[in-house]
């Protein structure tokens, strides 16, 4: 089992920045990827960014390219999402997700990001 705890959400004005953190615990040695998804009110959960834990390869949704950066701290088993030039449409609950070597996935409880115009 892997447990995930997110932090760093909040209220920010358009054009501002936030950094989200997600700390993993438990069977962290089995983690293959960690990533971020988000869900806005009335919408489906959508992919934002992902990092392959051992290789460091990253992938982004088109909406996140050039504004968001995902990174990881292997020693702390923590993944970060630096979000810059935030827009009101980035308002959502952001969820951390980990996938292990058995392709089991784990989710955090979510952290609210609100961007005011």
N, C-alpha and C. Protein backbone atom coordinates (compact mmCIF):
# COMPACT_ATOMS: atom_id res chain seq x y z
N UNK A 1 0.84 -1.20 0.00
CA UNK A 1 0.00 0.00 0.00
C UNK A 1 0.87 1.25 0.00
N UNK A 2 0.38 2.26 -0.66
CA UNK A 2 1.03 3.56 -0.69
C UNK A 2 0.03 4.61 -0.22
N UNK A 3 0.47 5.46 0.66
CA UNK A 3 -0.38 6.56 1.12
C UNK A 3 0.18 7.87 0.57
N UNK A 4 -0.73 8.76 0.17
CA UNK A 4 -0.35 10.03 -0.42
C UNK A 4 -1.01 11.17 0.33
N UNK A 5 -0.24 12.20 0.61
CA UNK A 5 -0.78 13.38 1.29
C UNK A 5 -0.36 14.62 0.51
N UNK A 6 -1.37 15.36 0.01
CA UNK A 6 -1.10 16.58 -0.75
C UNK A 6 -1.13 17.80 0.16
N UNK A 7 -0.44 18.84 -0.27
CA UNK A 7 -0.50 20.12 0.42
C UNK A 7 -0.13 21.21 -0.57
N UNK A 8 -0.40 22.45 -0.18
CA UNK A 8 0.03 23.58 -0.98
C UNK A 8 -1.05 24.29 -1.76
N UNK A 9 -2.29 23.78 -1.71
CA UNK A 9 -3.36 24.47 -2.42
C UNK A 9 -3.72 25.77 -1.73
N UNK A 10 -4.61 26.54 -2.36
CA UNK A 10 -5.04 27.79 -1.77
C UNK A 10 -5.69 28.70 -2.78
N UNK A 11 -5.85 29.94 -2.38
CA UNK A 11 -6.47 30.96 -3.22
C UNK A 11 -5.37 31.89 -3.75
N UNK A 12 -5.41 32.13 -5.05
CA UNK A 12 -4.40 32.98 -5.67
C UNK A 12 -5.07 33.78 -6.78
N UNK A 13 -4.54 34.94 -7.05
CA UNK A 13 -5.07 35.76 -8.14
C UNK A 13 -4.53 35.26 -9.48
N UNK A 14 -5.27 35.54 -10.51
CA UNK A 14 -4.83 35.17 -11.86
C UNK A 14 -3.46 35.76 -12.13
N UNK A 15 -2.59 34.93 -12.74
CA UNK A 15 -1.23 35.35 -12.99
C UNK A 15 -0.26 34.96 -11.90
N UNK A 16 -0.80 34.51 -10.77
CA UNK A 16 0.05 34.13 -9.66
C UNK A 16 0.56 32.70 -9.77
N UNK A 17 1.22 32.26 -8.70
CA UNK A 17 1.85 30.94 -8.68
C UNK A 17 1.50 30.20 -7.40
N UNK A 18 1.52 28.88 -7.49
CA UNK A 18 1.38 28.00 -6.34
C UNK A 18 2.26 26.78 -6.57
N UNK A 19 2.71 26.18 -5.48
CA UNK A 19 3.43 24.91 -5.59
C UNK A 19 2.73 23.88 -4.73
N UNK A 20 2.32 22.81 -5.38
CA UNK A 20 1.69 21.71 -4.68
C UNK A 20 2.74 20.65 -4.35
N UNK A 21 2.54 19.98 -3.23
CA UNK A 21 3.42 18.90 -2.82
C UNK A 21 2.60 17.66 -2.55
N UNK A 22 3.20 16.52 -2.79
CA UNK A 22 2.55 15.24 -2.50
C UNK A 22 3.60 14.31 -1.93
N UNK A 23 3.43 13.94 -0.67
CA UNK A 23 4.37 13.07 0.00
C UNK A 23 3.82 11.65 0.04
N UNK A 24 4.64 10.71 -0.38
CA UNK A 24 4.24 9.30 -0.38
C UNK A 24 4.86 8.59 0.81
N UNK A 25 4.12 7.63 1.34
CA UNK A 25 4.63 6.78 2.41
C UNK A 25 4.11 5.37 2.20
N UNK A 26 4.65 4.43 2.96
CA UNK A 26 4.27 3.04 2.79
C UNK A 26 5.26 2.34 1.87
N UNK A 27 4.74 1.59 0.89
CA UNK A 27 5.59 0.83 -0.02
C UNK A 27 6.11 1.73 -1.14
N UNK A 28 6.89 2.72 -0.75
CA UNK A 28 7.35 3.71 -1.72
C UNK A 28 8.34 3.14 -2.73
N UNK A 29 9.04 2.08 -2.35
CA UNK A 29 10.03 1.50 -3.28
C UNK A 29 9.35 0.88 -4.50
N UNK A 30 8.05 0.66 -4.42
CA UNK A 30 7.35 0.05 -5.55
C UNK A 30 6.77 1.07 -6.52
N UNK A 31 6.93 2.36 -6.20
CA UNK A 31 6.32 3.39 -7.04
C UNK A 31 6.99 3.45 -8.41
N UNK A 32 6.17 3.48 -9.44
CA UNK A 32 6.67 3.58 -10.81
C UNK A 32 6.47 4.98 -11.38
N UNK A 33 5.28 5.53 -11.18
CA UNK A 33 5.01 6.90 -11.60
C UNK A 33 4.25 7.65 -10.51
N UNK A 34 4.41 8.95 -10.51
CA UNK A 34 3.59 9.83 -9.68
C UNK A 34 3.13 10.97 -10.54
N UNK A 35 1.94 11.45 -10.27
CA UNK A 35 1.42 12.50 -11.12
C UNK A 35 0.33 13.29 -10.46
N UNK A 36 -0.18 14.24 -11.23
CA UNK A 36 -1.23 15.13 -10.76
C UNK A 36 -2.41 15.10 -11.73
N UNK A 37 -3.58 15.07 -11.17
CA UNK A 37 -4.83 15.19 -11.90
C UNK A 37 -5.63 16.29 -11.23
N UNK A 38 -6.65 16.77 -11.92
CA UNK A 38 -7.49 17.79 -11.31
C UNK A 38 -8.94 17.59 -11.73
N UNK A 39 -9.84 18.08 -10.87
CA UNK A 39 -11.26 17.97 -11.17
C UNK A 39 -11.94 19.28 -10.80
N UNK A 40 -12.49 19.92 -11.81
CA UNK A 40 -13.23 21.16 -11.61
C UNK A 40 -14.70 20.82 -11.35
N UNK A 41 -15.44 21.71 -10.73
CA UNK A 41 -16.86 21.44 -10.45
C UNK A 41 -17.63 21.12 -11.72
N UNK A 42 -18.36 20.02 -11.68
CA UNK A 42 -19.18 19.62 -12.82
C UNK A 42 -18.42 19.00 -13.97
N UNK A 43 -17.12 18.78 -13.79
CA UNK A 43 -16.31 18.20 -14.86
C UNK A 43 -15.66 16.91 -14.40
N UNK A 44 -15.20 16.12 -15.38
CA UNK A 44 -14.51 14.89 -15.05
C UNK A 44 -13.07 15.19 -14.61
N UNK A 45 -12.53 14.26 -13.87
CA UNK A 45 -11.13 14.38 -13.47
C UNK A 45 -10.26 14.29 -14.71
N UNK A 46 -9.24 15.17 -14.80
CA UNK A 46 -8.39 15.18 -15.98
C UNK A 46 -6.91 15.14 -15.60
N UNK A 47 -6.13 14.62 -16.51
CA UNK A 47 -4.68 14.50 -16.33
C UNK A 47 -4.03 15.88 -16.42
N UNK A 48 -3.03 16.11 -15.57
CA UNK A 48 -2.26 17.35 -15.61
C UNK A 48 -0.81 17.08 -15.96
N UNK A 49 -0.15 16.24 -15.17
CA UNK A 49 1.28 15.97 -15.39
C UNK A 49 1.65 14.69 -14.68
N UNK A 50 2.73 14.06 -15.16
CA UNK A 50 3.19 12.81 -14.57
C UNK A 50 4.69 12.73 -14.67
N UNK A 51 5.31 12.02 -13.74
CA UNK A 51 6.74 11.79 -13.79
C UNK A 51 7.01 10.31 -13.54
N UNK A 52 7.88 9.73 -14.38
CA UNK A 52 8.34 8.37 -14.14
C UNK A 52 9.41 8.43 -13.07
N UNK A 53 9.18 7.76 -11.97
CA UNK A 53 9.96 8.02 -10.76
C UNK A 53 11.45 7.73 -10.92
N UNK A 54 11.82 6.61 -11.50
CA UNK A 54 13.24 6.26 -11.58
C UNK A 54 13.94 6.95 -12.73
N UNK A 55 13.22 7.25 -13.81
CA UNK A 55 13.86 7.85 -14.98
C UNK A 55 13.80 9.37 -14.96
N UNK A 56 12.81 9.91 -14.29
CA UNK A 56 12.63 11.35 -14.27
C UNK A 56 11.94 11.91 -15.50
N UNK A 57 11.48 11.04 -16.38
CA UNK A 57 10.78 11.51 -17.58
C UNK A 57 9.44 12.11 -17.18
N UNK A 58 9.10 13.23 -17.82
CA UNK A 58 7.86 13.93 -17.48
C UNK A 58 6.95 14.07 -18.70
N UNK A 59 5.67 14.13 -18.43
CA UNK A 59 4.66 14.32 -19.47
C UNK A 59 3.64 15.32 -18.94
N UNK A 60 3.10 16.13 -19.86
CA UNK A 60 2.15 17.18 -19.46
C UNK A 60 0.93 17.19 -20.37
N UNK A 61 -0.18 17.57 -19.79
CA UNK A 61 -1.34 17.90 -20.60
C UNK A 61 -1.06 19.20 -21.34
N UNK A 62 -1.72 19.39 -22.46
CA UNK A 62 -1.50 20.62 -23.23
C UNK A 62 -1.79 21.86 -22.39
N UNK A 63 -2.77 21.76 -21.52
CA UNK A 63 -3.15 22.91 -20.70
C UNK A 63 -2.09 23.27 -19.68
N UNK A 64 -1.17 22.34 -19.40
CA UNK A 64 -0.16 22.56 -18.38
C UNK A 64 1.21 22.89 -18.96
N UNK A 65 1.40 22.59 -20.22
CA UNK A 65 2.71 22.85 -20.83
C UNK A 65 3.06 24.33 -20.76
N UNK A 66 4.31 24.61 -20.50
CA UNK A 66 4.86 25.97 -20.47
C UNK A 66 4.46 26.76 -19.23
N UNK A 67 3.51 26.24 -18.42
CA UNK A 67 3.14 26.96 -17.21
C UNK A 67 3.38 26.14 -15.94
N UNK A 68 3.26 24.81 -16.04
CA UNK A 68 3.41 23.95 -14.87
C UNK A 68 4.68 23.12 -15.02
N UNK A 69 5.29 22.81 -13.89
CA UNK A 69 6.47 21.94 -13.89
C UNK A 69 6.31 20.91 -12.80
N UNK A 70 6.44 19.63 -13.17
CA UNK A 70 6.40 18.55 -12.21
C UNK A 70 7.83 18.12 -11.92
N UNK A 71 8.09 17.86 -10.66
CA UNK A 71 9.43 17.40 -10.26
C UNK A 71 9.29 16.47 -9.07
N UNK A 72 10.37 15.72 -8.80
CA UNK A 72 10.32 14.77 -7.70
C UNK A 72 11.58 14.79 -6.88
N UNK A 73 11.42 14.51 -5.61
CA UNK A 73 12.56 14.35 -4.69
C UNK A 73 12.60 12.89 -4.29
N UNK A 74 13.54 12.16 -4.87
CA UNK A 74 13.61 10.72 -4.63
C UNK A 74 13.84 10.39 -3.16
N UNK A 75 14.65 11.20 -2.50
CA UNK A 75 14.99 10.92 -1.11
C UNK A 75 13.77 11.05 -0.20
N UNK A 76 12.89 11.98 -0.54
CA UNK A 76 11.71 12.23 0.29
C UNK A 76 10.45 11.57 -0.26
N UNK A 77 10.56 10.93 -1.45
CA UNK A 77 9.38 10.38 -2.11
C UNK A 77 8.27 11.42 -2.16
N UNK A 78 8.64 12.58 -2.60
CA UNK A 78 7.70 13.69 -2.71
C UNK A 78 7.71 14.22 -4.14
N UNK A 79 6.54 14.46 -4.66
CA UNK A 79 6.42 15.05 -6.00
C UNK A 79 5.83 16.44 -5.85
N UNK A 80 6.29 17.33 -6.70
CA UNK A 80 5.86 18.73 -6.65
C UNK A 80 5.22 19.12 -7.98
N UNK A 81 4.33 20.08 -7.90
CA UNK A 81 3.78 20.68 -9.11
C UNK A 81 3.87 22.19 -8.94
N UNK A 82 4.82 22.78 -9.66
CA UNK A 82 4.95 24.23 -9.65
C UNK A 82 4.02 24.79 -10.72
N UNK A 83 3.11 25.63 -10.31
CA UNK A 83 2.12 26.18 -11.23
C UNK A 83 2.31 27.69 -11.33
N UNK A 84 2.60 28.15 -12.51
CA UNK A 84 2.82 29.57 -12.76
C UNK A 84 1.77 30.11 -13.72
N UNK A 85 1.65 31.41 -13.75
CA UNK A 85 0.71 32.10 -14.64
C UNK A 85 -0.67 31.44 -14.53
N UNK A 86 -1.14 31.28 -13.33
CA UNK A 86 -2.40 30.59 -13.10
C UNK A 86 -3.58 31.38 -13.69
N UNK A 87 -4.54 30.61 -14.17
CA UNK A 87 -5.73 31.18 -14.80
C UNK A 87 -6.97 30.73 -14.02
N UNK A 88 -8.06 31.47 -14.11
CA UNK A 88 -9.28 31.03 -13.42
C UNK A 88 -9.71 29.62 -13.82
N UNK A 89 -9.44 29.23 -15.04
CA UNK A 89 -9.82 27.88 -15.47
C UNK A 89 -8.96 26.79 -14.86
N UNK A 90 -7.91 27.16 -14.15
CA UNK A 90 -7.11 26.18 -13.41
C UNK A 90 -7.75 25.83 -12.07
N UNK A 91 -8.80 26.53 -11.71
CA UNK A 91 -9.49 26.26 -10.45
C UNK A 91 -10.04 24.84 -10.44
N UNK A 92 -9.66 24.07 -9.43
CA UNK A 92 -10.06 22.67 -9.34
C UNK A 92 -9.51 22.08 -8.05
N UNK A 93 -9.97 20.89 -7.75
CA UNK A 93 -9.31 20.08 -6.72
C UNK A 93 -8.21 19.29 -7.42
N UNK A 94 -7.01 19.41 -6.90
CA UNK A 94 -5.87 18.73 -7.50
C UNK A 94 -5.55 17.48 -6.69
N UNK A 95 -5.45 16.37 -7.40
CA UNK A 95 -5.20 15.08 -6.77
C UNK A 95 -3.84 14.53 -7.20
N UNK A 96 -3.16 13.96 -6.25
CA UNK A 96 -1.92 13.26 -6.51
C UNK A 96 -2.24 11.78 -6.75
N UNK A 97 -1.55 11.18 -7.68
CA UNK A 97 -1.76 9.77 -7.99
C UNK A 97 -0.40 9.08 -8.11
N UNK A 98 -0.31 7.89 -7.55
CA UNK A 98 0.88 7.06 -7.70
C UNK A 98 0.47 5.72 -8.28
N UNK A 99 1.32 5.21 -9.15
CA UNK A 99 1.11 3.88 -9.72
C UNK A 99 2.33 3.04 -9.37
N UNK A 100 2.09 1.83 -8.88
CA UNK A 100 3.24 1.01 -8.49
C UNK A 100 3.56 0.00 -9.58
N UNK A 101 4.55 -0.83 -9.31
CA UNK A 101 5.05 -1.78 -10.31
C UNK A 101 4.02 -2.85 -10.65
N UNK A 102 3.02 -3.02 -9.82
CA UNK A 102 1.94 -3.97 -10.11
C UNK A 102 0.77 -3.28 -10.79
N UNK A 103 0.97 -2.04 -11.17
CA UNK A 103 -0.06 -1.23 -11.84
C UNK A 103 -1.27 -1.02 -10.95
N UNK A 104 -1.05 -1.00 -9.65
CA UNK A 104 -2.09 -0.56 -8.72
C UNK A 104 -1.94 0.94 -8.55
N UNK A 105 -3.06 1.65 -8.50
CA UNK A 105 -2.93 3.08 -8.34
C UNK A 105 -3.52 3.55 -7.02
N UNK A 106 -2.96 4.64 -6.55
CA UNK A 106 -3.30 5.21 -5.26
C UNK A 106 -3.54 6.71 -5.45
N UNK A 107 -4.48 7.23 -4.67
CA UNK A 107 -4.85 8.63 -4.79
C UNK A 107 -4.76 9.33 -3.44
N UNK A 108 -4.40 10.60 -3.50
CA UNK A 108 -4.45 11.43 -2.31
C UNK A 108 -5.86 11.96 -2.10
N UNK A 109 -6.02 12.74 -1.05
CA UNK A 109 -7.34 13.23 -0.70
C UNK A 109 -7.72 14.48 -1.48
N UNK A 110 -6.76 15.09 -2.15
CA UNK A 110 -7.01 16.27 -2.96
C UNK A 110 -6.73 17.56 -2.21
N UNK A 111 -6.35 18.58 -2.96
CA UNK A 111 -6.13 19.91 -2.39
C UNK A 111 -6.76 20.94 -3.32
N UNK A 112 -7.48 21.88 -2.75
CA UNK A 112 -8.23 22.85 -3.54
C UNK A 112 -7.32 23.97 -4.02
N UNK A 113 -7.42 24.27 -5.30
CA UNK A 113 -6.74 25.43 -5.89
C UNK A 113 -7.83 26.32 -6.47
N UNK A 114 -7.85 27.57 -6.03
CA UNK A 114 -8.83 28.53 -6.53
C UNK A 114 -8.09 29.74 -7.08
N UNK A 115 -8.37 30.06 -8.33
CA UNK A 115 -7.72 31.20 -8.99
C UNK A 115 -8.79 32.25 -9.27
N UNK A 116 -8.63 33.40 -8.67
CA UNK A 116 -9.61 34.48 -8.85
C UNK A 116 -9.19 35.38 -10.01
N UNK A 117 -10.21 35.90 -10.68
CA UNK A 117 -9.92 36.76 -11.84
C UNK A 117 -9.77 38.22 -11.45
